[in-house]
N, C-alpha and C. Protein backbone atom coordinates (compact mmCIF):
# COMPACT_ATOMS: atom_id res chain seq x y z
N MET A 1 18.18 -15.59 -15.36
CA MET A 1 17.01 -16.31 -15.86
C MET A 1 15.78 -15.42 -15.75
N ALA A 2 15.01 -15.32 -16.82
CA ALA A 2 13.81 -14.49 -16.81
C ALA A 2 12.76 -15.11 -15.90
N ILE A 3 12.06 -14.25 -15.15
CA ILE A 3 11.03 -14.76 -14.24
C ILE A 3 9.67 -14.81 -14.90
N PHE A 4 9.56 -14.21 -16.09
CA PHE A 4 8.30 -14.29 -16.80
C PHE A 4 8.56 -14.29 -18.31
N ASP A 5 7.57 -14.70 -19.05
CA ASP A 5 7.64 -14.73 -20.51
C ASP A 5 7.41 -13.32 -21.04
N PRO A 6 8.38 -12.72 -21.71
CA PRO A 6 8.21 -11.34 -22.17
C PRO A 6 7.10 -11.16 -23.20
N ASN A 7 6.64 -12.25 -23.77
CA ASN A 7 5.56 -12.18 -24.76
C ASN A 7 4.18 -12.43 -24.16
N ALA A 8 4.14 -12.73 -22.85
CA ALA A 8 2.87 -13.02 -22.19
C ALA A 8 2.37 -11.79 -21.44
N ASN A 9 1.10 -11.83 -21.09
CA ASN A 9 0.49 -10.77 -20.29
C ASN A 9 0.47 -11.18 -18.82
N TYR A 10 0.81 -10.25 -17.95
CA TYR A 10 0.78 -10.49 -16.51
C TYR A 10 0.05 -9.33 -15.84
N THR A 11 -0.82 -9.67 -14.90
CA THR A 11 -1.45 -8.64 -14.07
C THR A 11 -0.74 -8.58 -12.73
N PHE A 12 -1.01 -7.52 -11.97
CA PHE A 12 -0.42 -7.42 -10.64
C PHE A 12 -0.77 -8.65 -9.80
N ARG A 13 -2.00 -9.11 -9.93
CA ARG A 13 -2.45 -10.27 -9.15
C ARG A 13 -1.65 -11.52 -9.51
N ASN A 14 -1.21 -11.63 -10.76
CA ASN A 14 -0.42 -12.79 -11.16
C ASN A 14 0.85 -12.92 -10.34
N TYR A 15 1.46 -11.80 -10.00
CA TYR A 15 2.71 -11.85 -9.21
C TYR A 15 2.44 -12.38 -7.81
N PHE A 16 1.26 -12.09 -7.27
CA PHE A 16 0.86 -12.67 -5.98
C PHE A 16 0.66 -14.18 -6.14
N ASP A 17 -0.09 -14.57 -7.16
CA ASP A 17 -0.43 -15.98 -7.34
C ASP A 17 0.79 -16.84 -7.65
N LEU A 18 1.74 -16.29 -8.41
CA LEU A 18 2.92 -17.06 -8.81
C LEU A 18 3.93 -17.22 -7.68
N GLY A 19 3.83 -16.38 -6.66
CA GLY A 19 4.75 -16.49 -5.53
C GLY A 19 6.17 -16.09 -5.85
N ILE A 20 6.34 -15.22 -6.83
CA ILE A 20 7.69 -14.74 -7.18
C ILE A 20 8.17 -13.78 -6.10
N PRO A 21 9.38 -13.96 -5.56
CA PRO A 21 9.87 -13.05 -4.52
C PRO A 21 9.90 -11.60 -5.00
N ALA A 22 9.59 -10.69 -4.09
CA ALA A 22 9.57 -9.27 -4.43
C ALA A 22 10.91 -8.81 -4.98
N LYS A 23 11.99 -9.32 -4.41
CA LYS A 23 13.33 -8.91 -4.86
C LYS A 23 13.56 -9.30 -6.32
N ASP A 24 13.06 -10.46 -6.72
CA ASP A 24 13.22 -10.90 -8.11
C ASP A 24 12.37 -10.05 -9.06
N ILE A 25 11.18 -9.68 -8.61
CA ILE A 25 10.33 -8.81 -9.44
C ILE A 25 11.01 -7.47 -9.64
N ALA A 26 11.53 -6.91 -8.56
CA ALA A 26 12.22 -5.62 -8.66
C ALA A 26 13.39 -5.72 -9.64
N ARG A 27 14.19 -6.76 -9.50
CA ARG A 27 15.38 -6.93 -10.35
C ARG A 27 14.99 -7.08 -11.82
N ALA A 28 13.87 -7.75 -12.08
CA ALA A 28 13.44 -7.95 -13.46
C ALA A 28 13.13 -6.64 -14.16
N PHE A 29 12.75 -5.62 -13.38
CA PHE A 29 12.45 -4.31 -13.95
C PHE A 29 13.56 -3.29 -13.67
N ASP A 30 14.74 -3.80 -13.32
CA ASP A 30 15.94 -2.96 -13.11
C ASP A 30 15.84 -2.07 -11.87
N TYR A 31 15.21 -2.59 -10.83
CA TYR A 31 15.20 -1.93 -9.52
C TYR A 31 15.91 -2.84 -8.52
N GLN A 32 16.40 -2.26 -7.45
CA GLN A 32 17.01 -3.04 -6.37
C GLN A 32 16.13 -2.93 -5.12
N LEU A 33 15.84 -4.07 -4.50
CA LEU A 33 14.98 -4.09 -3.32
C LEU A 33 15.79 -4.51 -2.10
N SER A 34 15.58 -3.83 -0.99
CA SER A 34 16.20 -4.21 0.28
C SER A 34 15.14 -4.26 1.36
N ARG A 35 15.32 -5.16 2.31
CA ARG A 35 14.39 -5.29 3.45
C ARG A 35 15.01 -4.58 4.64
N VAL A 36 14.29 -3.60 5.17
CA VAL A 36 14.85 -2.72 6.20
C VAL A 36 13.79 -2.43 7.27
N GLN A 37 14.27 -1.93 8.41
CA GLN A 37 13.36 -1.33 9.39
C GLN A 37 13.01 0.06 8.86
N LEU A 38 11.84 0.18 8.30
CA LEU A 38 11.45 1.39 7.57
C LEU A 38 10.74 2.36 8.51
N GLU A 39 11.46 3.39 8.90
CA GLU A 39 10.91 4.41 9.80
C GLU A 39 10.42 5.59 8.97
N LEU A 40 9.16 5.56 8.62
CA LEU A 40 8.59 6.62 7.81
C LEU A 40 8.21 7.82 8.67
N PRO A 41 8.24 9.03 8.11
CA PRO A 41 7.82 10.22 8.86
C PRO A 41 6.37 10.10 9.31
N GLN A 42 6.07 10.74 10.44
CA GLN A 42 4.71 10.75 10.97
C GLN A 42 4.23 12.18 11.13
N ALA A 43 2.95 12.39 10.88
CA ALA A 43 2.34 13.70 11.10
C ALA A 43 2.45 14.06 12.57
N LEU A 44 2.74 15.31 12.86
CA LEU A 44 3.01 15.75 14.23
C LEU A 44 1.83 16.44 14.89
N ASP A 45 0.96 17.04 14.12
CA ASP A 45 -0.14 17.81 14.69
C ASP A 45 -1.12 16.91 15.44
N PRO A 46 -1.84 17.46 16.43
CA PRO A 46 -2.88 16.68 17.11
C PRO A 46 -3.94 16.20 16.11
N ILE A 47 -4.41 14.99 16.32
CA ILE A 47 -5.43 14.40 15.44
C ILE A 47 -6.62 14.02 16.31
N ASP A 48 -7.70 14.75 16.16
CA ASP A 48 -8.83 14.56 17.07
C ASP A 48 -9.83 13.50 16.59
N TRP A 49 -9.56 12.88 15.45
CA TRP A 49 -10.53 11.91 14.91
C TRP A 49 -10.06 10.47 15.00
N ILE A 50 -8.87 10.25 15.52
CA ILE A 50 -8.36 8.87 15.61
C ILE A 50 -9.24 8.01 16.50
N GLU A 51 -9.64 8.54 17.64
CA GLU A 51 -10.44 7.74 18.57
C GLU A 51 -11.79 7.37 17.99
N GLU A 52 -12.34 8.24 17.15
CA GLU A 52 -13.61 7.92 16.50
C GLU A 52 -13.44 6.73 15.56
N VAL A 53 -12.36 6.72 14.80
CA VAL A 53 -12.10 5.59 13.90
C VAL A 53 -11.83 4.33 14.70
N ARG A 54 -11.04 4.45 15.77
CA ARG A 54 -10.76 3.29 16.61
C ARG A 54 -12.06 2.71 17.18
N SER A 55 -12.94 3.59 17.61
CA SER A 55 -14.22 3.15 18.18
C SER A 55 -15.07 2.43 17.14
N ARG A 56 -15.11 2.96 15.93
CA ARG A 56 -15.88 2.32 14.87
C ARG A 56 -15.41 0.89 14.63
N ILE A 57 -14.11 0.70 14.70
CA ILE A 57 -13.55 -0.63 14.44
C ILE A 57 -13.75 -1.56 15.63
N THR A 58 -13.40 -1.10 16.82
CA THR A 58 -13.43 -1.98 17.99
C THR A 58 -14.85 -2.36 18.39
N ARG A 59 -15.82 -1.49 18.13
CA ARG A 59 -17.20 -1.82 18.50
C ARG A 59 -17.75 -2.98 17.69
N VAL A 60 -17.32 -3.09 16.44
CA VAL A 60 -17.89 -4.12 15.58
C VAL A 60 -17.08 -5.42 15.57
N LEU A 61 -15.81 -5.36 15.96
CA LEU A 61 -14.95 -6.55 15.89
C LEU A 61 -15.51 -7.76 16.63
N PRO A 62 -16.13 -7.60 17.81
CA PRO A 62 -16.65 -8.80 18.49
C PRO A 62 -17.77 -9.51 17.75
N TYR A 63 -18.35 -8.85 16.75
CA TYR A 63 -19.55 -9.40 16.12
C TYR A 63 -19.34 -9.83 14.67
N VAL A 64 -18.14 -9.67 14.16
CA VAL A 64 -17.89 -9.98 12.75
C VAL A 64 -16.72 -10.95 12.63
N GLU A 65 -16.91 -12.01 11.87
CA GLU A 65 -15.82 -12.93 11.56
C GLU A 65 -14.99 -12.35 10.42
N LEU A 66 -13.72 -12.10 10.68
CA LEU A 66 -12.85 -11.54 9.64
C LEU A 66 -12.17 -12.68 8.88
N ASN A 67 -12.98 -13.55 8.31
CA ASN A 67 -12.45 -14.76 7.69
C ASN A 67 -12.37 -14.68 6.18
N ASN A 68 -12.57 -13.49 5.62
CA ASN A 68 -12.40 -13.32 4.18
C ASN A 68 -12.01 -11.88 3.88
N GLU A 69 -11.55 -11.66 2.66
CA GLU A 69 -11.02 -10.35 2.28
C GLU A 69 -12.08 -9.27 2.32
N VAL A 70 -13.29 -9.59 1.91
CA VAL A 70 -14.36 -8.59 1.89
C VAL A 70 -14.68 -8.11 3.30
N ALA A 71 -14.75 -9.03 4.25
CA ALA A 71 -15.04 -8.65 5.64
C ALA A 71 -13.96 -7.73 6.19
N ARG A 72 -12.72 -8.05 5.93
CA ARG A 72 -11.62 -7.22 6.43
C ARG A 72 -11.65 -5.83 5.80
N ARG A 73 -11.95 -5.77 4.52
CA ARG A 73 -12.03 -4.46 3.86
C ARG A 73 -13.15 -3.61 4.45
N GLU A 74 -14.32 -4.20 4.61
CA GLU A 74 -15.48 -3.45 5.07
C GLU A 74 -15.35 -3.00 6.52
N VAL A 75 -14.83 -3.88 7.37
CA VAL A 75 -14.86 -3.63 8.81
C VAL A 75 -13.63 -2.88 9.30
N VAL A 76 -12.45 -3.20 8.77
CA VAL A 76 -11.21 -2.66 9.33
C VAL A 76 -10.54 -1.65 8.40
N ILE A 77 -10.48 -1.95 7.12
CA ILE A 77 -9.73 -1.09 6.21
C ILE A 77 -10.53 0.14 5.81
N ALA A 78 -11.79 -0.04 5.44
CA ALA A 78 -12.59 1.09 4.95
C ALA A 78 -12.70 2.24 5.95
N PRO A 79 -12.93 1.98 7.25
CA PRO A 79 -13.01 3.11 8.19
C PRO A 79 -11.74 3.95 8.22
N VAL A 80 -10.60 3.31 8.10
CA VAL A 80 -9.32 4.04 8.13
C VAL A 80 -9.14 4.85 6.86
N LEU A 81 -9.33 4.22 5.71
CA LEU A 81 -9.01 4.88 4.45
C LEU A 81 -10.04 5.93 4.05
N THR A 82 -11.31 5.69 4.32
CA THR A 82 -12.30 6.70 3.96
C THR A 82 -12.16 7.94 4.82
N GLU A 83 -11.89 7.77 6.11
CA GLU A 83 -11.69 8.94 6.96
C GLU A 83 -10.40 9.67 6.58
N LEU A 84 -9.38 8.92 6.20
CA LEU A 84 -8.14 9.54 5.73
C LEU A 84 -8.41 10.41 4.51
N SER A 85 -9.23 9.92 3.60
CA SER A 85 -9.57 10.69 2.40
C SER A 85 -10.31 11.97 2.76
N VAL A 86 -11.26 11.87 3.68
CA VAL A 86 -12.03 13.05 4.10
C VAL A 86 -11.12 14.08 4.76
N GLN A 87 -10.28 13.63 5.67
CA GLN A 87 -9.46 14.55 6.46
C GLN A 87 -8.36 15.21 5.62
N THR A 88 -7.86 14.53 4.62
CA THR A 88 -6.79 15.09 3.79
C THR A 88 -7.31 15.70 2.49
N ARG A 89 -8.60 15.44 2.20
CA ARG A 89 -9.20 15.87 0.93
C ARG A 89 -8.47 15.26 -0.26
N ALA A 90 -7.94 14.09 -0.04
CA ALA A 90 -7.26 13.36 -1.12
C ALA A 90 -8.29 12.55 -1.90
N GLU A 91 -8.09 12.49 -3.20
CA GLU A 91 -8.97 11.67 -4.03
C GLU A 91 -8.62 10.20 -3.79
N LEU A 92 -9.65 9.40 -3.50
CA LEU A 92 -9.46 7.98 -3.25
C LEU A 92 -10.11 7.19 -4.38
N ARG A 93 -9.28 6.44 -5.09
CA ARG A 93 -9.79 5.58 -6.16
C ARG A 93 -9.73 4.14 -5.68
N ILE A 94 -10.83 3.44 -5.85
CA ILE A 94 -10.95 2.06 -5.39
C ILE A 94 -11.07 1.15 -6.61
N GLU A 95 -10.30 0.06 -6.60
CA GLU A 95 -10.27 -0.87 -7.74
C GLU A 95 -9.95 -0.09 -9.02
N TYR A 96 -8.79 0.55 -9.01
CA TYR A 96 -8.38 1.45 -10.09
C TYR A 96 -7.46 0.71 -11.06
N ASP A 97 -7.85 0.68 -12.33
CA ASP A 97 -7.09 -0.05 -13.35
C ASP A 97 -6.03 0.84 -13.99
N ILE A 98 -4.81 0.31 -14.11
CA ILE A 98 -3.77 1.00 -14.87
C ILE A 98 -3.05 -0.02 -15.75
N ARG A 99 -2.49 0.49 -16.83
CA ARG A 99 -1.70 -0.37 -17.73
C ARG A 99 -0.48 0.39 -18.20
N VAL A 100 0.68 -0.16 -17.94
CA VAL A 100 1.94 0.41 -18.40
C VAL A 100 2.53 -0.44 -19.52
N SER A 101 2.45 -1.75 -19.34
CA SER A 101 2.98 -2.69 -20.33
C SER A 101 2.30 -4.04 -20.12
N ASN A 102 2.68 -5.02 -20.92
CA ASN A 102 2.10 -6.35 -20.77
C ASN A 102 2.44 -6.98 -19.43
N GLN A 103 3.54 -6.55 -18.81
CA GLN A 103 3.97 -7.11 -17.54
C GLN A 103 3.62 -6.21 -16.35
N LEU A 104 3.16 -5.00 -16.60
CA LEU A 104 2.79 -4.06 -15.53
C LEU A 104 1.40 -3.52 -15.80
N GLN A 105 0.41 -4.26 -15.34
CA GLN A 105 -0.98 -3.87 -15.56
C GLN A 105 -1.85 -4.56 -14.53
N GLY A 106 -3.00 -3.97 -14.30
CA GLY A 106 -3.93 -4.59 -13.37
C GLY A 106 -4.68 -3.57 -12.55
N THR A 107 -5.18 -4.03 -11.43
CA THR A 107 -6.06 -3.22 -10.59
C THR A 107 -5.40 -2.92 -9.26
N LEU A 108 -5.37 -1.63 -8.91
CA LEU A 108 -4.90 -1.20 -7.60
C LEU A 108 -6.09 -1.20 -6.65
N ASP A 109 -5.96 -1.84 -5.50
CA ASP A 109 -7.08 -1.87 -4.56
C ASP A 109 -7.49 -0.46 -4.14
N TYR A 110 -6.50 0.33 -3.71
CA TYR A 110 -6.76 1.72 -3.29
C TYR A 110 -5.62 2.60 -3.78
N LEU A 111 -5.98 3.73 -4.37
CA LEU A 111 -4.97 4.70 -4.79
C LEU A 111 -5.41 6.09 -4.33
N PHE A 112 -4.58 6.71 -3.49
CA PHE A 112 -4.82 8.09 -3.05
C PHE A 112 -4.01 9.04 -3.93
N GLU A 113 -4.63 10.17 -4.26
CA GLU A 113 -3.93 11.26 -4.94
C GLU A 113 -4.22 12.55 -4.19
N GLN A 114 -3.18 13.20 -3.72
CA GLN A 114 -3.29 14.49 -3.07
C GLN A 114 -2.25 15.41 -3.71
N GLY A 115 -2.69 16.21 -4.68
CA GLY A 115 -1.74 16.99 -5.46
C GLY A 115 -0.82 16.06 -6.23
N THR A 116 0.47 16.19 -5.99
CA THR A 116 1.45 15.32 -6.66
C THR A 116 1.78 14.08 -5.84
N ARG A 117 1.22 13.98 -4.64
CA ARG A 117 1.52 12.85 -3.75
C ARG A 117 0.60 11.68 -4.05
N LEU A 118 1.19 10.49 -4.03
CA LEU A 118 0.43 9.27 -4.28
C LEU A 118 0.66 8.28 -3.15
N LEU A 119 -0.36 7.47 -2.89
CA LEU A 119 -0.26 6.38 -1.92
C LEU A 119 -1.08 5.22 -2.43
N VAL A 120 -0.47 4.05 -2.55
CA VAL A 120 -1.19 2.87 -3.00
C VAL A 120 -1.28 1.89 -1.84
N VAL A 121 -2.45 1.28 -1.66
CA VAL A 121 -2.68 0.30 -0.60
C VAL A 121 -3.22 -0.97 -1.23
N GLU A 122 -2.58 -2.08 -0.90
CA GLU A 122 -2.99 -3.39 -1.41
C GLU A 122 -3.51 -4.22 -0.25
N ALA A 123 -4.72 -4.73 -0.39
CA ALA A 123 -5.36 -5.48 0.69
C ALA A 123 -5.56 -6.94 0.28
N LYS A 124 -5.20 -7.83 1.20
CA LYS A 124 -5.41 -9.26 0.98
C LYS A 124 -5.81 -9.90 2.31
N GLN A 125 -6.34 -11.12 2.21
CA GLN A 125 -6.76 -11.81 3.43
C GLN A 125 -5.57 -12.25 4.26
N ALA A 126 -4.48 -12.64 3.62
CA ALA A 126 -3.32 -13.14 4.36
C ALA A 126 -2.10 -13.11 3.46
N ASP A 127 -0.94 -13.52 4.01
CA ASP A 127 0.31 -13.67 3.29
C ASP A 127 0.86 -12.34 2.81
N LEU A 128 1.41 -11.57 3.75
CA LEU A 128 1.97 -10.27 3.42
C LEU A 128 3.21 -10.38 2.54
N THR A 129 3.91 -11.50 2.58
CA THR A 129 5.09 -11.66 1.74
C THR A 129 4.72 -11.66 0.27
N ARG A 130 3.75 -12.46 -0.10
CA ARG A 130 3.28 -12.47 -1.49
C ARG A 130 2.61 -11.14 -1.83
N GLU A 131 1.93 -10.58 -0.86
CA GLU A 131 1.24 -9.31 -1.08
C GLU A 131 2.25 -8.21 -1.41
N PHE A 132 3.41 -8.24 -0.73
CA PHE A 132 4.41 -7.22 -1.02
C PHE A 132 5.00 -7.42 -2.42
N ALA A 133 5.09 -8.65 -2.87
CA ALA A 133 5.56 -8.88 -4.24
C ALA A 133 4.62 -8.20 -5.23
N GLN A 134 3.32 -8.31 -4.99
CA GLN A 134 2.36 -7.63 -5.85
C GLN A 134 2.52 -6.11 -5.74
N LEU A 135 2.69 -5.61 -4.50
CA LEU A 135 2.87 -4.17 -4.30
C LEU A 135 4.13 -3.68 -5.03
N THR A 136 5.18 -4.48 -5.05
CA THR A 136 6.40 -4.10 -5.75
C THR A 136 6.11 -3.81 -7.22
N ALA A 137 5.37 -4.69 -7.86
CA ALA A 137 5.01 -4.47 -9.27
C ALA A 137 4.14 -3.22 -9.41
N GLU A 138 3.25 -2.99 -8.45
CA GLU A 138 2.38 -1.82 -8.52
C GLU A 138 3.15 -0.52 -8.36
N LEU A 139 4.11 -0.49 -7.43
CA LEU A 139 4.92 0.71 -7.25
C LEU A 139 5.76 1.01 -8.49
N ILE A 140 6.32 -0.03 -9.09
CA ILE A 140 7.10 0.16 -10.32
C ILE A 140 6.19 0.69 -11.43
N ALA A 141 4.99 0.14 -11.52
CA ALA A 141 4.04 0.63 -12.53
C ALA A 141 3.70 2.10 -12.31
N LEU A 142 3.47 2.48 -11.05
CA LEU A 142 3.18 3.88 -10.75
C LEU A 142 4.34 4.78 -11.13
N ASP A 143 5.55 4.33 -10.85
CA ASP A 143 6.73 5.11 -11.19
C ASP A 143 6.77 5.41 -12.69
N ARG A 144 6.38 4.45 -13.49
CA ARG A 144 6.44 4.61 -14.94
C ARG A 144 5.16 5.24 -15.50
N PHE A 145 4.09 5.17 -14.74
CA PHE A 145 2.77 5.61 -15.22
C PHE A 145 2.54 7.10 -14.97
N THR A 146 3.01 7.59 -13.83
CA THR A 146 2.65 8.94 -13.41
C THR A 146 3.68 9.96 -13.85
N GLU A 147 3.22 11.20 -14.02
CA GLU A 147 4.10 12.32 -14.31
C GLU A 147 4.39 13.14 -13.06
N SER A 148 4.04 12.63 -11.90
CA SER A 148 4.29 13.34 -10.65
C SER A 148 5.78 13.62 -10.48
N PRO A 149 6.13 14.83 -9.97
CA PRO A 149 7.54 15.15 -9.75
C PRO A 149 8.11 14.61 -8.44
N GLU A 150 7.29 13.91 -7.66
CA GLU A 150 7.74 13.39 -6.36
C GLU A 150 8.93 12.45 -6.54
N ASP A 151 9.88 12.52 -5.60
CA ASP A 151 11.08 11.68 -5.67
C ASP A 151 10.83 10.25 -5.21
N ALA A 152 9.78 10.05 -4.41
CA ALA A 152 9.52 8.72 -3.86
C ALA A 152 8.02 8.48 -3.75
N PHE A 153 7.64 7.21 -3.81
CA PHE A 153 6.26 6.80 -3.60
C PHE A 153 6.22 5.79 -2.45
N VAL A 154 5.17 5.87 -1.66
CA VAL A 154 4.98 4.92 -0.56
C VAL A 154 3.77 4.05 -0.86
N GLY A 155 3.89 2.78 -0.51
CA GLY A 155 2.79 1.86 -0.64
C GLY A 155 2.64 1.06 0.64
N ALA A 156 1.47 0.48 0.84
CA ALA A 156 1.22 -0.34 2.02
C ALA A 156 0.53 -1.63 1.61
N VAL A 157 0.83 -2.69 2.34
CA VAL A 157 0.10 -3.94 2.21
C VAL A 157 -0.58 -4.20 3.55
N THR A 158 -1.78 -4.73 3.49
CA THR A 158 -2.50 -4.93 4.73
C THR A 158 -3.45 -6.12 4.65
N THR A 159 -3.58 -6.79 5.78
CA THR A 159 -4.63 -7.79 5.95
C THR A 159 -5.83 -7.16 6.64
N GLY A 160 -5.75 -5.87 6.91
CA GLY A 160 -6.75 -5.18 7.72
C GLY A 160 -6.24 -5.04 9.13
N ILE A 161 -5.83 -6.13 9.72
CA ILE A 161 -5.28 -6.11 11.08
C ILE A 161 -3.81 -5.72 11.08
N THR A 162 -3.03 -6.23 10.14
CA THR A 162 -1.60 -5.96 10.07
C THR A 162 -1.29 -5.14 8.82
N TRP A 163 -0.42 -4.13 9.01
CA TRP A 163 0.00 -3.25 7.91
C TRP A 163 1.52 -3.24 7.83
N GLN A 164 2.04 -3.26 6.60
CA GLN A 164 3.47 -3.06 6.36
C GLN A 164 3.63 -2.08 5.20
N PHE A 165 4.77 -1.36 5.21
CA PHE A 165 4.99 -0.32 4.21
C PHE A 165 6.17 -0.63 3.32
N GLY A 166 6.15 -0.01 2.15
CA GLY A 166 7.28 -0.02 1.24
C GLY A 166 7.45 1.37 0.64
N ARG A 167 8.66 1.65 0.19
CA ARG A 167 8.92 2.96 -0.41
C ARG A 167 9.82 2.79 -1.63
N LEU A 168 9.41 3.39 -2.73
CA LEU A 168 10.20 3.36 -3.97
C LEU A 168 10.86 4.71 -4.17
N HIS A 169 12.17 4.70 -4.33
CA HIS A 169 12.94 5.91 -4.62
C HIS A 169 13.16 5.96 -6.14
N ARG A 170 12.58 6.95 -6.76
CA ARG A 170 12.51 6.96 -8.22
C ARG A 170 13.86 7.18 -8.88
N ARG A 171 14.62 8.14 -8.39
CA ARG A 171 15.89 8.47 -9.02
C ARG A 171 16.89 7.32 -8.88
N GLU A 172 16.93 6.73 -7.68
CA GLU A 172 17.88 5.65 -7.42
C GLU A 172 17.41 4.30 -7.93
N LYS A 173 16.09 4.21 -8.25
CA LYS A 173 15.48 2.95 -8.67
C LYS A 173 15.70 1.87 -7.62
N THR A 174 15.38 2.24 -6.39
CA THR A 174 15.47 1.30 -5.27
C THR A 174 14.12 1.22 -4.56
N ILE A 175 13.88 0.09 -3.95
CA ILE A 175 12.65 -0.13 -3.19
C ILE A 175 13.02 -0.65 -1.82
N GLU A 176 12.45 -0.04 -0.79
CA GLU A 176 12.64 -0.50 0.59
C GLU A 176 11.39 -1.26 1.02
N GLN A 177 11.57 -2.47 1.49
CA GLN A 177 10.48 -3.26 2.05
C GLN A 177 10.58 -3.21 3.56
N GLY A 178 9.59 -2.62 4.20
CA GLY A 178 9.62 -2.49 5.65
C GLY A 178 9.42 -3.82 6.34
N LEU A 179 10.31 -4.13 7.27
CA LEU A 179 10.18 -5.36 8.06
C LEU A 179 9.24 -5.15 9.25
N ASN A 180 9.12 -3.91 9.69
CA ASN A 180 8.27 -3.61 10.84
C ASN A 180 6.81 -3.52 10.40
N SER A 181 5.93 -3.81 11.33
CA SER A 181 4.50 -3.82 11.01
C SER A 181 3.71 -3.08 12.07
N TYR A 182 2.47 -2.74 11.71
CA TYR A 182 1.55 -2.01 12.59
C TYR A 182 0.25 -2.79 12.65
N ARG A 183 -0.27 -2.91 13.87
CA ARG A 183 -1.50 -3.67 14.06
C ARG A 183 -2.66 -2.74 14.41
N VAL A 184 -3.82 -3.09 13.88
CA VAL A 184 -5.05 -2.36 14.17
C VAL A 184 -5.93 -3.25 15.04
N PRO A 185 -6.46 -2.69 16.16
CA PRO A 185 -6.46 -1.27 16.52
C PRO A 185 -5.30 -0.82 17.40
N GLU A 186 -4.41 -1.71 17.83
CA GLU A 186 -3.39 -1.34 18.81
C GLU A 186 -2.49 -0.20 18.33
N ASP A 187 -2.04 -0.26 17.09
CA ASP A 187 -1.10 0.73 16.56
C ASP A 187 -1.78 1.71 15.61
N LEU A 188 -3.06 1.96 15.83
CA LEU A 188 -3.81 2.79 14.89
C LEU A 188 -3.24 4.20 14.80
N GLU A 189 -2.85 4.78 15.93
CA GLU A 189 -2.36 6.17 15.87
C GLU A 189 -1.09 6.32 15.05
N PRO A 190 -0.01 5.54 15.31
CA PRO A 190 1.16 5.70 14.44
C PRO A 190 0.88 5.35 12.99
N LEU A 191 0.00 4.39 12.75
CA LEU A 191 -0.37 4.04 11.38
C LEU A 191 -0.99 5.24 10.67
N ILE A 192 -1.97 5.86 11.32
CA ILE A 192 -2.64 7.00 10.70
C ILE A 192 -1.68 8.17 10.54
N ARG A 193 -0.80 8.37 11.50
CA ARG A 193 0.17 9.47 11.38
C ARG A 193 1.11 9.26 10.19
N ILE A 194 1.47 8.03 9.91
CA ILE A 194 2.29 7.75 8.73
C ILE A 194 1.50 8.02 7.46
N LEU A 195 0.28 7.53 7.40
CA LEU A 195 -0.55 7.74 6.21
C LEU A 195 -0.78 9.23 5.95
N LEU A 196 -1.01 9.98 7.01
CA LEU A 196 -1.18 11.43 6.88
C LEU A 196 0.08 12.09 6.34
N ALA A 197 1.22 11.70 6.88
CA ALA A 197 2.49 12.30 6.44
C ALA A 197 2.76 12.02 4.97
N VAL A 198 2.38 10.84 4.50
CA VAL A 198 2.57 10.51 3.09
C VAL A 198 1.78 11.47 2.20
N LEU A 199 0.56 11.80 2.64
CA LEU A 199 -0.34 12.58 1.79
C LEU A 199 -0.22 14.08 1.97
N ILE A 200 0.06 14.55 3.19
CA ILE A 200 0.06 16.00 3.41
C ILE A 200 1.29 16.50 4.14
N GLY A 201 2.25 15.65 4.42
CA GLY A 201 3.45 16.08 5.12
C GLY A 201 3.33 15.89 6.62
N THR A 202 4.37 16.26 7.33
CA THR A 202 4.44 15.97 8.77
C THR A 202 3.75 17.01 9.63
N ASN A 203 3.45 18.18 9.11
CA ASN A 203 2.80 19.23 9.92
C ASN A 203 1.32 19.34 9.59
């Protein structure tokens, strides 16, 4: 049974709103999705700026209500992603529009480009399950949109406080949905080490 009308237009956000399971979205575009403990590589070199980012976040948390998406982006997400862009010299596009087809189009919250490496981050106030469904459509769109020679793309969904990852393997047309999560500020170091490894490798 088709999960959407092939003659209608759908944005990435529509997949979040409709509550379609990520596995069904993947299958509709001829990908297979599995939920796994996703152990992504981590950067190994010393990182001397993590504590500065942690301090920026923890100092302001007692004074800000994180009760909406904008607050979470400004207070928790932006310090991590902007510093990541500076340290890796990766281009960071915010609210970036792409269109592949009537069913694969919309706005990516954050898209990093470092050479041929890509990283997409989707931010929402809550409900990581629906958020990952949206990320699934975004990863599939990137696979079809980009000419990058990379074999896999990594994406993340986050509420600001909680982060989860997914990985699309292009040749196999499979998507791994990570069951494990990382919390900010408690797990900031492994989170940043994963993000660094995605963009510049493990060393």
